[in-house]
Amino acid sequence: MRVNEDTVLRGQWVILVPYEPHHVVRYHEWMKSEDLQKLTASEPLTLEQEYDMQCRWREDNDKCTFIILDAARWDQGCPEEQCMVGDVNLFITDPENPALAEIEIMIAEPTCRGKGFGEESTRLMLFYGISSLGISTFQAKIGQENMKSVQLFQKLHFEEVSFSSVFQELTLQWKVTDEERQQLLDTAHFTVTSYRNLKVPENQEINSIQ
């Protein structure tokens, strides 16, 4: 989506930035992993196809993605590509119902799993979907064996609504109530900045979403 091309969301552990061409090579290396292909239900792409996909994420109105950066590494001055740990995405699955979106989260770097990056990135994306895109119903489709992801979304109020025996896949859903929406907006303490002006804030305390 063009709407998030200059948007940066920063929490305590992660920084979400738009998916840019300079991210593609590392992303492509991630997606050579058969395990990640299985977990994300993805097919391997050539590098050229990956660049084409990055353009589609930027241009298509039904797709929104952020690359997840390790905030600590960024603060230490590491190049942006070396701070990449995964991505988080929203898909508008029904053009006639733009308030419904499917959400995906991937922490691709094995050493960065189990550190809270996935949960904080998901919370940031839920906030962005609600506050900036008008999303009121979120769905997550997760392989039955991927229990860590299932538990993450259940923690975030998602409930199982269906199971596909063909794909061995659970569909979990969260319909955001007015009370939940207001609570999220009231307690979502993080920084929203411009990607063009991305820099490390000095002497600024950043709080994670509660």
N, C-alpha and C. Protein backbone atom coordinates (compact mmCIF):
# COMPACT_ATOMS: atom_id res chain seq x y z
N MET A 1 0.83 -1.20 0.00
CA MET A 1 0.00 0.00 0.00
C MET A 1 0.87 1.25 0.00
N ARG A 2 0.41 2.24 -0.76
CA ARG A 2 1.10 3.52 -0.74
C ARG A 2 0.93 4.24 0.59
N VAL A 3 -0.15 3.91 1.31
CA VAL A 3 -0.47 4.65 2.51
C VAL A 3 0.60 4.54 3.58
N ASN A 4 1.37 3.44 3.60
CA ASN A 4 2.38 3.26 4.65
C ASN A 4 3.81 3.43 4.14
N GLU A 5 3.98 4.03 2.94
CA GLU A 5 5.30 4.09 2.34
C GLU A 5 6.27 5.00 3.09
N ASP A 6 5.74 5.87 3.95
CA ASP A 6 6.63 6.76 4.72
C ASP A 6 6.36 6.63 6.22
N THR A 7 5.81 5.48 6.64
CA THR A 7 5.43 5.29 8.03
C THR A 7 6.39 4.35 8.75
N VAL A 8 6.82 4.75 9.94
CA VAL A 8 7.64 3.92 10.81
C VAL A 8 6.95 3.82 12.16
N LEU A 9 6.81 2.60 12.66
CA LEU A 9 6.24 2.37 13.99
C LEU A 9 7.34 1.77 14.86
N ARG A 10 7.58 2.40 16.00
CA ARG A 10 8.62 1.89 16.89
C ARG A 10 8.05 1.54 18.25
N GLY A 11 8.32 0.30 18.68
CA GLY A 11 7.97 -0.13 20.02
C GLY A 11 9.23 -0.25 20.86
N GLN A 12 9.17 -1.10 21.88
CA GLN A 12 10.32 -1.27 22.75
C GLN A 12 11.38 -2.16 22.11
N TRP A 13 10.92 -3.20 21.43
CA TRP A 13 11.85 -4.21 20.90
C TRP A 13 12.03 -4.14 19.40
N VAL A 14 11.04 -3.61 18.69
CA VAL A 14 11.07 -3.65 17.23
C VAL A 14 10.78 -2.29 16.63
N ILE A 15 11.22 -2.14 15.38
CA ILE A 15 10.87 -0.99 14.55
C ILE A 15 10.27 -1.55 13.26
N LEU A 16 9.08 -1.09 12.91
CA LEU A 16 8.44 -1.51 11.66
C LEU A 16 8.67 -0.44 10.60
N VAL A 17 9.22 -0.84 9.45
CA VAL A 17 9.50 0.09 8.37
C VAL A 17 8.89 -0.44 7.07
N PRO A 18 8.61 0.43 6.10
CA PRO A 18 8.06 -0.03 4.82
C PRO A 18 9.03 -0.99 4.11
N TYR A 19 8.48 -1.89 3.33
CA TYR A 19 9.27 -2.86 2.57
C TYR A 19 9.84 -2.17 1.33
N GLU A 20 11.17 -1.99 1.32
CA GLU A 20 11.85 -1.25 0.27
C GLU A 20 12.73 -2.18 -0.57
N PRO A 21 13.14 -1.74 -1.78
CA PRO A 21 13.99 -2.59 -2.63
C PRO A 21 15.27 -3.07 -1.94
N HIS A 22 15.87 -2.25 -1.06
CA HIS A 22 17.12 -2.67 -0.44
C HIS A 22 16.92 -3.78 0.60
N HIS A 23 15.65 -4.10 0.93
CA HIS A 23 15.37 -5.21 1.83
C HIS A 23 15.26 -6.55 1.10
N VAL A 24 15.11 -6.51 -0.22
CA VAL A 24 14.70 -7.69 -0.97
C VAL A 24 15.73 -8.81 -0.92
N VAL A 25 17.02 -8.50 -1.06
CA VAL A 25 18.02 -9.57 -1.12
C VAL A 25 18.00 -10.41 0.15
N ARG A 26 17.97 -9.76 1.30
CA ARG A 26 17.95 -10.54 2.54
C ARG A 26 16.63 -11.29 2.69
N TYR A 27 15.54 -10.65 2.32
CA TYR A 27 14.25 -11.33 2.37
C TYR A 27 14.27 -12.57 1.49
N HIS A 28 14.86 -12.44 0.32
CA HIS A 28 14.94 -13.58 -0.60
C HIS A 28 15.76 -14.72 0.01
N GLU A 29 16.82 -14.39 0.71
CA GLU A 29 17.62 -15.42 1.37
C GLU A 29 16.81 -16.15 2.43
N TRP A 30 16.01 -15.40 3.18
CA TRP A 30 15.14 -16.03 4.18
C TRP A 30 14.24 -17.07 3.52
N MET A 31 13.62 -16.67 2.42
CA MET A 31 12.56 -17.50 1.84
C MET A 31 13.08 -18.69 1.05
N LYS A 32 14.39 -18.89 1.06
CA LYS A 32 14.95 -20.14 0.54
C LYS A 32 14.78 -21.28 1.54
N SER A 33 14.46 -20.94 2.77
CA SER A 33 14.29 -21.93 3.83
C SER A 33 13.00 -22.73 3.60
N GLU A 34 13.13 -24.05 3.52
CA GLU A 34 11.95 -24.89 3.35
C GLU A 34 11.03 -24.81 4.55
N ASP A 35 11.60 -24.64 5.74
CA ASP A 35 10.78 -24.52 6.94
C ASP A 35 9.91 -23.27 6.88
N LEU A 36 10.51 -22.13 6.47
CA LEU A 36 9.73 -20.90 6.37
C LEU A 36 8.69 -20.99 5.25
N GLN A 37 9.04 -21.64 4.17
CA GLN A 37 8.07 -21.83 3.09
C GLN A 37 6.86 -22.61 3.59
N LYS A 38 7.13 -23.63 4.40
CA LYS A 38 6.04 -24.44 4.93
C LYS A 38 5.20 -23.65 5.92
N LEU A 39 5.85 -22.94 6.83
CA LEU A 39 5.12 -22.19 7.85
C LEU A 39 4.30 -21.05 7.27
N THR A 40 4.79 -20.45 6.17
CA THR A 40 4.08 -19.32 5.56
C THR A 40 3.27 -19.72 4.33
N ALA A 41 3.25 -21.03 4.04
CA ALA A 41 2.53 -21.53 2.85
C ALA A 41 2.96 -20.78 1.59
N SER A 42 4.28 -20.62 1.44
CA SER A 42 4.84 -19.85 0.33
C SER A 42 5.59 -20.75 -0.64
N GLU A 43 5.63 -20.32 -1.89
CA GLU A 43 6.41 -21.00 -2.92
C GLU A 43 7.73 -20.24 -3.11
N PRO A 44 8.82 -20.94 -3.39
CA PRO A 44 10.10 -20.25 -3.62
C PRO A 44 10.02 -19.38 -4.87
N LEU A 45 10.61 -18.19 -4.79
CA LEU A 45 10.63 -17.26 -5.91
C LEU A 45 12.07 -16.98 -6.33
N THR A 46 12.26 -16.59 -7.57
CA THR A 46 13.57 -16.11 -7.99
C THR A 46 13.76 -14.71 -7.41
N LEU A 47 15.00 -14.23 -7.44
CA LEU A 47 15.27 -12.89 -6.93
C LEU A 47 14.49 -11.85 -7.73
N GLU A 48 14.42 -12.03 -9.04
CA GLU A 48 13.65 -11.11 -9.88
C GLU A 48 12.18 -11.11 -9.49
N GLN A 49 11.63 -12.29 -9.23
CA GLN A 49 10.23 -12.38 -8.81
C GLN A 49 10.02 -11.71 -7.46
N GLU A 50 11.03 -11.81 -6.59
CA GLU A 50 10.93 -11.19 -5.27
C GLU A 50 10.88 -9.67 -5.40
N TYR A 51 11.69 -9.11 -6.32
CA TYR A 51 11.62 -7.66 -6.56
C TYR A 51 10.25 -7.26 -7.11
N ASP A 52 9.70 -8.09 -7.99
CA ASP A 52 8.36 -7.82 -8.52
C ASP A 52 7.33 -7.84 -7.39
N MET A 53 7.49 -8.80 -6.47
CA MET A 53 6.56 -8.91 -5.35
C MET A 53 6.66 -7.69 -4.44
N GLN A 54 7.88 -7.20 -4.23
CA GLN A 54 8.05 -6.00 -3.41
C GLN A 54 7.29 -4.82 -4.04
N CYS A 55 7.34 -4.70 -5.36
CA CYS A 55 6.61 -3.63 -6.05
C CYS A 55 5.10 -3.79 -5.86
N ARG A 56 4.62 -5.03 -5.89
CA ARG A 56 3.19 -5.27 -5.71
C ARG A 56 2.76 -4.89 -4.30
N TRP A 57 3.59 -5.22 -3.31
CA TRP A 57 3.26 -4.84 -1.94
C TRP A 57 3.17 -3.33 -1.83
N ARG A 58 3.98 -2.62 -2.56
CA ARG A 58 3.97 -1.16 -2.51
C ARG A 58 2.75 -0.59 -3.23
N GLU A 59 2.39 -1.15 -4.36
CA GLU A 59 1.39 -0.54 -5.23
C GLU A 59 -0.03 -1.02 -4.96
N ASP A 60 -0.22 -2.28 -4.59
CA ASP A 60 -1.57 -2.85 -4.48
C ASP A 60 -2.30 -2.30 -3.26
N ASN A 61 -3.55 -1.94 -3.45
CA ASN A 61 -4.33 -1.37 -2.37
C ASN A 61 -4.84 -2.40 -1.38
N ASP A 62 -4.70 -3.69 -1.71
CA ASP A 62 -5.21 -4.74 -0.82
C ASP A 62 -4.09 -5.39 0.00
N LYS A 63 -2.89 -4.83 -0.03
CA LYS A 63 -1.75 -5.42 0.69
C LYS A 63 -1.02 -4.33 1.47
N CYS A 64 -0.66 -4.66 2.69
CA CYS A 64 0.12 -3.73 3.51
C CYS A 64 1.18 -4.53 4.25
N THR A 65 2.43 -4.12 4.15
CA THR A 65 3.50 -4.86 4.81
C THR A 65 4.50 -3.93 5.45
N PHE A 66 5.09 -4.41 6.55
CA PHE A 66 6.21 -3.75 7.20
C PHE A 66 7.32 -4.77 7.41
N ILE A 67 8.56 -4.34 7.23
CA ILE A 67 9.72 -5.14 7.62
C ILE A 67 9.98 -4.87 9.10
N ILE A 68 10.29 -5.94 9.83
CA ILE A 68 10.56 -5.83 11.27
C ILE A 68 12.06 -5.70 11.48
N LEU A 69 12.46 -4.64 12.17
CA LEU A 69 13.86 -4.43 12.53
C LEU A 69 14.05 -4.66 14.02
N ASP A 70 15.21 -5.18 14.39
CA ASP A 70 15.62 -5.30 15.78
C ASP A 70 16.02 -3.91 16.27
N ALA A 71 15.23 -3.34 17.17
CA ALA A 71 15.48 -1.96 17.61
C ALA A 71 16.83 -1.81 18.30
N ALA A 72 17.24 -2.83 19.05
CA ALA A 72 18.51 -2.74 19.77
C ALA A 72 19.68 -2.67 18.79
N ARG A 73 19.63 -3.48 17.74
CA ARG A 73 20.70 -3.45 16.74
C ARG A 73 20.70 -2.12 16.00
N TRP A 74 19.52 -1.60 15.71
CA TRP A 74 19.44 -0.29 15.05
C TRP A 74 20.07 0.79 15.93
N ASP A 75 19.76 0.75 17.22
CA ASP A 75 20.31 1.74 18.14
C ASP A 75 21.83 1.65 18.24
N GLN A 76 22.36 0.46 17.97
CA GLN A 76 23.82 0.27 18.01
C GLN A 76 24.50 0.73 16.73
N GLY A 77 23.71 1.17 15.76
CA GLY A 77 24.27 1.70 14.52
C GLY A 77 24.44 0.69 13.41
N CYS A 78 23.83 -0.49 13.54
CA CYS A 78 23.95 -1.50 12.48
C CYS A 78 23.21 -1.05 11.23
N PRO A 79 23.70 -1.38 10.04
CA PRO A 79 22.98 -1.07 8.80
C PRO A 79 21.58 -1.68 8.84
N GLU A 80 20.65 -1.03 8.19
CA GLU A 80 19.25 -1.44 8.26
C GLU A 80 19.06 -2.90 7.86
N GLU A 81 19.71 -3.32 6.78
CA GLU A 81 19.52 -4.70 6.32
C GLU A 81 19.99 -5.71 7.36
N GLN A 82 20.99 -5.34 8.18
CA GLN A 82 21.48 -6.24 9.21
C GLN A 82 20.58 -6.25 10.44
N CYS A 83 19.64 -5.33 10.50
CA CYS A 83 18.69 -5.28 11.62
C CYS A 83 17.41 -6.06 11.32
N MET A 84 17.23 -6.51 10.09
CA MET A 84 16.00 -7.18 9.69
C MET A 84 15.83 -8.51 10.41
N VAL A 85 14.61 -8.74 10.92
CA VAL A 85 14.33 -10.02 11.59
C VAL A 85 13.10 -10.72 11.03
N GLY A 86 12.25 -10.01 10.28
CA GLY A 86 11.05 -10.65 9.74
C GLY A 86 10.14 -9.63 9.10
N ASP A 87 8.87 -10.00 8.94
CA ASP A 87 7.89 -9.07 8.39
C ASP A 87 6.51 -9.35 8.97
N VAL A 88 5.62 -8.36 8.84
CA VAL A 88 4.24 -8.49 9.28
C VAL A 88 3.36 -7.88 8.19
N ASN A 89 2.26 -8.56 7.86
CA ASN A 89 1.46 -8.20 6.70
C ASN A 89 -0.03 -8.17 7.00
N LEU A 90 -0.74 -7.35 6.24
CA LEU A 90 -2.19 -7.36 6.21
C LEU A 90 -2.66 -7.52 4.77
N PHE A 91 -3.68 -8.37 4.57
CA PHE A 91 -4.29 -8.55 3.26
C PHE A 91 -5.78 -8.21 3.38
N ILE A 92 -6.27 -7.35 2.50
CA ILE A 92 -7.71 -7.12 2.40
C ILE A 92 -8.25 -8.23 1.50
N THR A 93 -8.91 -9.21 2.09
CA THR A 93 -9.27 -10.42 1.35
C THR A 93 -10.58 -10.30 0.58
N ASP A 94 -11.43 -9.34 0.93
CA ASP A 94 -12.72 -9.18 0.28
C ASP A 94 -12.90 -7.72 -0.10
N PRO A 95 -12.81 -7.37 -1.40
CA PRO A 95 -12.94 -5.97 -1.82
C PRO A 95 -14.24 -5.33 -1.38
N GLU A 96 -15.27 -6.15 -1.20
CA GLU A 96 -16.56 -5.62 -0.78
C GLU A 96 -16.64 -5.43 0.73
N ASN A 97 -15.62 -5.90 1.43
CA ASN A 97 -15.58 -5.75 2.89
C ASN A 97 -14.18 -5.32 3.30
N PRO A 98 -13.80 -4.06 3.03
CA PRO A 98 -12.44 -3.60 3.32
C PRO A 98 -12.12 -3.50 4.81
N ALA A 99 -13.13 -3.74 5.67
CA ALA A 99 -12.88 -3.72 7.11
C ALA A 99 -12.41 -5.08 7.62
N LEU A 100 -12.31 -6.07 6.71
CA LEU A 100 -11.83 -7.41 7.06
C LEU A 100 -10.45 -7.62 6.46
N ALA A 101 -9.50 -8.04 7.28
CA ALA A 101 -8.14 -8.25 6.78
C ALA A 101 -7.54 -9.51 7.41
N GLU A 102 -6.71 -10.17 6.63
CA GLU A 102 -5.93 -11.30 7.13
C GLU A 102 -4.56 -10.79 7.56
N ILE A 103 -4.09 -11.23 8.70
CA ILE A 103 -2.81 -10.79 9.24
C ILE A 103 -1.83 -11.95 9.27
N GLU A 104 -0.58 -11.67 8.92
CA GLU A 104 0.49 -12.65 8.97
C GLU A 104 1.70 -12.05 9.69
N ILE A 105 2.40 -12.88 10.43
CA ILE A 105 3.61 -12.46 11.12
C ILE A 105 4.69 -13.51 10.91
N MET A 106 5.90 -13.08 10.58
CA MET A 106 7.02 -14.01 10.39
C MET A 106 8.27 -13.44 11.05
N ILE A 107 8.81 -14.16 12.01
CA ILE A 107 10.14 -13.86 12.54
C ILE A 107 11.08 -14.85 11.88
N ALA A 108 11.80 -14.37 10.87
CA ALA A 108 12.59 -15.25 10.01
C ALA A 108 13.93 -15.63 10.63
N GLU A 109 14.51 -14.73 11.43
CA GLU A 109 15.80 -14.99 12.03
C GLU A 109 15.65 -15.90 13.24
N PRO A 110 16.19 -17.12 13.20
CA PRO A 110 16.01 -18.07 14.32
C PRO A 110 16.47 -17.51 15.66
N THR A 111 17.55 -16.74 15.67
CA THR A 111 18.08 -16.22 16.93
C THR A 111 17.20 -15.13 17.53
N CYS A 112 16.24 -14.64 16.75
CA CYS A 112 15.38 -13.56 17.23
C CYS A 112 14.00 -14.05 17.67
N ARG A 113 13.80 -15.37 17.64
CA ARG A 113 12.52 -15.92 18.09
C ARG A 113 12.52 -16.08 19.61
N GLY A 114 11.33 -16.01 20.18
CA GLY A 114 11.20 -16.18 21.62
C GLY A 114 11.62 -14.97 22.42
N LYS A 115 11.75 -13.80 21.77
CA LYS A 115 12.19 -12.58 22.45
C LYS A 115 11.09 -11.53 22.54
N GLY A 116 9.90 -11.88 22.12
CA GLY A 116 8.79 -10.93 22.16
C GLY A 116 8.65 -10.08 20.91
N PHE A 117 9.52 -10.31 19.91
CA PHE A 117 9.45 -9.52 18.68
C PHE A 117 8.14 -9.76 17.94
N GLY A 118 7.73 -11.03 17.87
CA GLY A 118 6.52 -11.37 17.13
C GLY A 118 5.28 -10.76 17.75
N GLU A 119 5.18 -10.85 19.08
CA GLU A 119 4.00 -10.30 19.75
C GLU A 119 3.94 -8.78 19.60
N GLU A 120 5.06 -8.10 19.83
CA GLU A 120 5.02 -6.64 19.73
C GLU A 120 4.74 -6.20 18.30
N SER A 121 5.34 -6.88 17.31
CA SER A 121 5.09 -6.53 15.90
C SER A 121 3.62 -6.72 15.55
N THR A 122 3.02 -7.80 16.05
CA THR A 122 1.61 -8.06 15.77
C THR A 122 0.73 -7.00 16.41
N ARG A 123 1.02 -6.63 17.65
CA ARG A 123 0.25 -5.58 18.32
C ARG A 123 0.35 -4.25 17.57
N LEU A 124 1.56 -3.93 17.11
CA LEU A 124 1.73 -2.69 16.34
C LEU A 124 0.92 -2.72 15.06
N MET A 125 0.92 -3.86 14.38
CA MET A 125 0.18 -3.96 13.12
C MET A 125 -1.33 -3.92 13.37
N LEU A 126 -1.80 -4.54 14.44
CA LEU A 126 -3.22 -4.46 14.77
C LEU A 126 -3.62 -3.00 15.02
N PHE A 127 -2.79 -2.29 15.77
CA PHE A 127 -3.07 -0.88 16.01
C PHE A 127 -3.12 -0.11 14.69
N TYR A 128 -2.14 -0.35 13.82
CA TYR A 128 -2.09 0.38 12.56
C TYR A 128 -3.32 0.05 11.70
N GLY A 129 -3.70 -1.21 11.67
CA GLY A 129 -4.87 -1.62 10.89
C GLY A 129 -6.14 -0.95 11.38
N ILE A 130 -6.29 -0.87 12.70
CA ILE A 130 -7.49 -0.26 13.28
C ILE A 130 -7.48 1.25 13.10
N SER A 131 -6.37 1.89 13.43
CA SER A 131 -6.32 3.35 13.48
C SER A 131 -6.14 4.00 12.12
N SER A 132 -5.45 3.34 11.19
CA SER A 132 -5.12 3.97 9.91
C SER A 132 -5.84 3.38 8.71
N LEU A 133 -6.26 2.11 8.81
CA LEU A 133 -6.87 1.44 7.66
C LEU A 133 -8.35 1.13 7.86
N GLY A 134 -8.87 1.37 9.06
CA GLY A 134 -10.28 1.12 9.32
C GLY A 134 -10.65 -0.34 9.43
N ILE A 135 -9.69 -1.19 9.78
CA ILE A 135 -9.96 -2.62 9.92
C ILE A 135 -10.68 -2.86 11.24
N SER A 136 -11.73 -3.67 11.20
CA SER A 136 -12.47 -4.00 12.43
C SER A 136 -12.54 -5.50 12.68
N THR A 137 -12.16 -6.30 11.68
CA THR A 137 -12.12 -7.76 11.86
C THR A 137 -10.82 -8.28 11.27
N PHE A 138 -10.08 -9.00 12.09
CA PHE A 138 -8.80 -9.58 11.66
C PHE A 138 -8.90 -11.10 11.68
N GLN A 139 -8.31 -11.73 10.67
CA GLN A 139 -8.22 -13.19 10.63
C GLN A 139 -6.76 -13.61 10.50
N ALA A 140 -6.45 -14.76 11.08
CA ALA A 140 -5.12 -15.35 10.95
C ALA A 140 -5.30 -16.82 10.58
N LYS A 141 -4.66 -17.24 9.49
CA LYS A 141 -4.72 -18.62 9.04
C LYS A 141 -3.38 -19.27 9.33
N ILE A 142 -3.40 -20.31 10.18
CA ILE A 142 -2.17 -20.86 10.72
C ILE A 142 -2.20 -22.38 10.61
N GLY A 143 -1.09 -22.96 10.17
CA GLY A 143 -0.97 -24.41 10.12
C GLY A 143 -1.18 -25.03 11.49
N GLN A 144 -1.86 -26.15 11.53
CA GLN A 144 -2.23 -26.76 12.80
C GLN A 144 -1.02 -27.05 13.69
N GLU A 145 0.12 -27.37 13.06
CA GLU A 145 1.30 -27.73 13.84
C GLU A 145 2.04 -26.52 14.40
N ASN A 146 1.68 -25.33 13.94
CA ASN A 146 2.38 -24.11 14.36
C ASN A 146 1.73 -23.56 15.63
N MET A 147 1.88 -24.29 16.73
CA MET A 147 1.16 -23.96 17.95
C MET A 147 1.63 -22.65 18.58
N LYS A 148 2.89 -22.28 18.38
CA LYS A 148 3.37 -21.02 18.95
C LYS A 148 2.60 -19.84 18.37
N SER A 149 2.36 -19.88 17.06
CA SER A 149 1.59 -18.80 16.43
C SER A 149 0.13 -18.84 16.87
N VAL A 150 -0.43 -20.03 16.99
CA VAL A 150 -1.81 -20.16 17.46
C VAL A 150 -1.94 -19.54 18.85
N GLN A 151 -1.00 -19.88 19.74
CA GLN A 151 -1.04 -19.35 21.10
C GLN A 151 -0.86 -17.83 21.13
N LEU A 152 -0.01 -17.31 20.24
CA LEU A 152 0.18 -15.87 20.17
C LEU A 152 -1.12 -15.17 19.85
N PHE A 153 -1.82 -15.63 18.81
CA PHE A 153 -3.04 -14.95 18.40
C PHE A 153 -4.17 -15.16 19.41
N GLN A 154 -4.20 -16.31 20.06
CA GLN A 154 -5.20 -16.51 21.11
C GLN A 154 -4.96 -15.53 22.25
N LYS A 155 -3.71 -15.26 22.55
CA LYS A 155 -3.37 -14.28 23.60
C LYS A 155 -3.88 -12.90 23.24
N LEU A 156 -3.98 -12.63 21.93
CA LEU A 156 -4.41 -11.33 21.44
C LEU A 156 -5.91 -11.29 21.13
N HIS A 157 -6.68 -12.20 21.76
CA HIS A 157 -8.14 -12.23 21.70
C HIS A 157 -8.70 -12.89 20.44
N PHE A 158 -7.85 -13.49 19.61
CA PHE A 158 -8.34 -14.22 18.44
C PHE A 158 -8.96 -15.54 18.89
N GLU A 159 -10.05 -15.92 18.24
CA GLU A 159 -10.72 -17.17 18.54
C GLU A 159 -10.83 -18.02 17.29
N GLU A 160 -10.75 -19.34 17.46
CA GLU A 160 -10.85 -20.24 16.31
C GLU A 160 -12.27 -20.21 15.75
N VAL A 161 -12.37 -20.04 14.42
CA VAL A 161 -13.68 -20.01 13.77
C VAL A 161 -13.86 -21.15 12.77
N SER A 162 -12.75 -21.74 12.31
CA SER A 162 -12.87 -22.86 11.37
C SER A 162 -11.57 -23.63 11.30
N PHE A 163 -11.66 -24.85 10.75
CA PHE A 163 -10.49 -25.68 10.54
C PHE A 163 -10.62 -26.37 9.19
N SER A 164 -9.56 -26.28 8.39
CA SER A 164 -9.52 -26.94 7.08
C SER A 164 -8.74 -28.24 7.20
N SER A 165 -9.45 -29.37 7.06
CA SER A 165 -8.77 -30.66 7.12
C SER A 165 -7.91 -30.88 5.88
N VAL A 166 -8.28 -30.24 4.79
CA VAL A 166 -7.50 -30.38 3.55
C VAL A 166 -6.13 -29.73 3.71
N PHE A 167 -6.12 -28.51 4.23
CA PHE A 167 -4.87 -27.76 4.39
C PHE A 167 -4.27 -27.89 5.79
N GLN A 168 -4.98 -28.61 6.68
CA GLN A 168 -4.52 -28.72 8.08
C GLN A 168 -4.23 -27.33 8.64
N GLU A 169 -5.25 -26.47 8.51
CA GLU A 169 -5.06 -25.06 8.83
C GLU A 169 -6.21 -24.54 9.67
N LEU A 170 -5.85 -23.80 10.72
CA LEU A 170 -6.83 -23.14 11.57
C LEU A 170 -7.06 -21.72 11.09
N THR A 171 -8.29 -21.26 11.17
CA THR A 171 -8.59 -19.85 10.97
C THR A 171 -9.05 -19.27 12.29
N LEU A 172 -8.31 -18.27 12.77
CA LEU A 172 -8.66 -17.57 14.00
C LEU A 172 -9.10 -16.16 13.64
N GLN A 173 -9.99 -15.60 14.44
CA GLN A 173 -10.57 -14.31 14.10
C GLN A 173 -10.74 -13.44 15.34
N TRP A 174 -10.56 -12.15 15.13
CA TRP A 174 -10.82 -11.17 16.19
C TRP A 174 -11.70 -10.06 15.61
N LYS A 175 -12.93 -9.98 16.11
CA LYS A 175 -13.81 -8.87 15.78
C LYS A 175 -13.64 -7.81 16.85
N VAL A 176 -13.14 -6.67 16.46
CA VAL A 176 -12.76 -5.64 17.42
C VAL A 176 -14.00 -4.91 17.91
N THR A 177 -14.27 -4.99 19.20
CA THR A 177 -15.38 -4.25 19.77
C THR A 177 -14.98 -2.79 19.97
N ASP A 178 -15.96 -1.92 20.13
CA ASP A 178 -15.66 -0.51 20.37
C ASP A 178 -14.82 -0.34 21.63
N GLU A 179 -15.12 -1.13 22.66
CA GLU A 179 -14.37 -1.05 23.91
C GLU A 179 -12.92 -1.48 23.72
N GLU A 180 -12.71 -2.58 22.97
CA GLU A 180 -11.36 -3.06 22.71
C GLU A 180 -10.59 -2.06 21.86
N ARG A 181 -11.28 -1.50 20.86
CA ARG A 181 -10.62 -0.52 19.99
C ARG A 181 -10.13 0.66 20.81
N GLN A 182 -10.99 1.20 21.68
CA GLN A 182 -10.61 2.35 22.47
C GLN A 182 -9.50 2.01 23.45
N GLN A 183 -9.56 0.81 24.02
CA GLN A 183 -8.52 0.38 24.95
C GLN A 183 -7.18 0.29 24.25
N LEU A 184 -7.17 -0.28 23.03
CA LEU A 184 -5.94 -0.40 22.28
C LEU A 184 -5.38 0.98 21.94
N LEU A 185 -6.24 1.89 21.52
CA LEU A 185 -5.79 3.23 21.17
C LEU A 185 -5.25 3.97 22.39
N ASP A 186 -5.87 3.72 23.55
CA ASP A 186 -5.46 4.41 24.77
C ASP A 186 -4.15 3.89 25.34
N THR A 187 -3.86 2.61 25.10
CA THR A 187 -2.69 1.98 25.75
C THR A 187 -1.56 1.69 24.78
N ALA A 188 -1.71 2.03 23.51
CA ALA A 188 -0.69 1.74 22.51
C ALA A 188 0.36 2.85 22.51
N HIS A 189 1.33 2.74 23.41
CA HIS A 189 2.34 3.77 23.55
C HIS A 189 3.57 3.42 22.71
N PHE A 190 3.73 4.08 21.61
CA PHE A 190 4.89 3.88 20.76
C PHE A 190 5.07 5.11 19.89
N THR A 191 6.15 5.14 19.15
CA THR A 191 6.48 6.29 18.33
C THR A 191 6.10 6.05 16.87
N VAL A 192 5.44 7.03 16.25
CA VAL A 192 5.16 7.01 14.81
C VAL A 192 5.98 8.11 14.18
N THR A 193 6.86 7.75 13.24
CA THR A 193 7.73 8.74 12.60
C THR A 193 7.72 8.55 11.09
N SER A 194 8.45 9.43 10.42
CA SER A 194 8.61 9.37 8.97
C SER A 194 9.79 8.48 8.61
N TYR A 195 9.62 7.62 7.62
CA TYR A 195 10.71 6.75 7.19
C TYR A 195 11.84 7.58 6.58
N ARG A 196 11.51 8.65 5.91
CA ARG A 196 12.54 9.49 5.30
C ARG A 196 13.45 10.12 6.36
N ASN A 197 12.90 10.29 7.55
CA ASN A 197 13.66 10.94 8.62
C ASN A 197 14.01 9.97 9.74
N LEU A 198 14.04 8.67 9.43
CA LEU A 198 14.29 7.67 10.46
C LEU A 198 15.66 7.88 11.09
N LYS A 199 15.65 8.03 12.40
CA LYS A 199 16.90 8.15 13.14
C LYS A 199 16.66 7.67 14.56
N VAL A 200 17.71 7.39 15.28
CA VAL A 200 17.60 6.92 16.65
C VAL A 200 17.26 8.09 17.55
N PRO A 201 16.14 8.03 18.28
CA PRO A 201 15.82 9.12 19.20
C PRO A 201 16.80 9.16 20.36
N GLU A 202 17.19 10.37 20.79
CA GLU A 202 18.16 10.52 21.86
C GLU A 202 17.44 10.77 23.19
N ASN A 203 17.88 10.01 24.21
CA ASN A 203 17.36 10.19 25.56
C ASN A 203 15.83 10.15 25.60
N GLN A 204 15.27 9.24 24.79
CA GLN A 204 13.81 9.14 24.73
C GLN A 204 13.40 7.75 25.16
N GLU A 205 12.52 7.67 26.14
CA GLU A 205 12.04 6.38 26.62
C GLU A 205 10.91 5.91 25.75
N ILE A 206 11.04 4.69 25.20
CA ILE A 206 10.01 4.12 24.34
C ILE A 206 9.33 2.99 25.10
N ASN A 207 8.02 3.04 25.22
CA ASN A 207 7.29 2.00 25.94
C ASN A 207 6.62 1.07 24.97
N SER A 208 6.64 -0.21 25.27
CA SER A 208 5.95 -1.20 24.47
C SER A 208 4.45 -1.06 24.65
N ILE A 209 3.68 -1.52 23.67
CA ILE A 209 2.24 -1.58 23.81
C ILE A 209 1.91 -2.49 24.99
N GLN A 210 1.00 -2.07 25.82
CA GLN A 210 0.65 -2.85 27.00
C GLN A 210 -0.32 -3.96 26.61
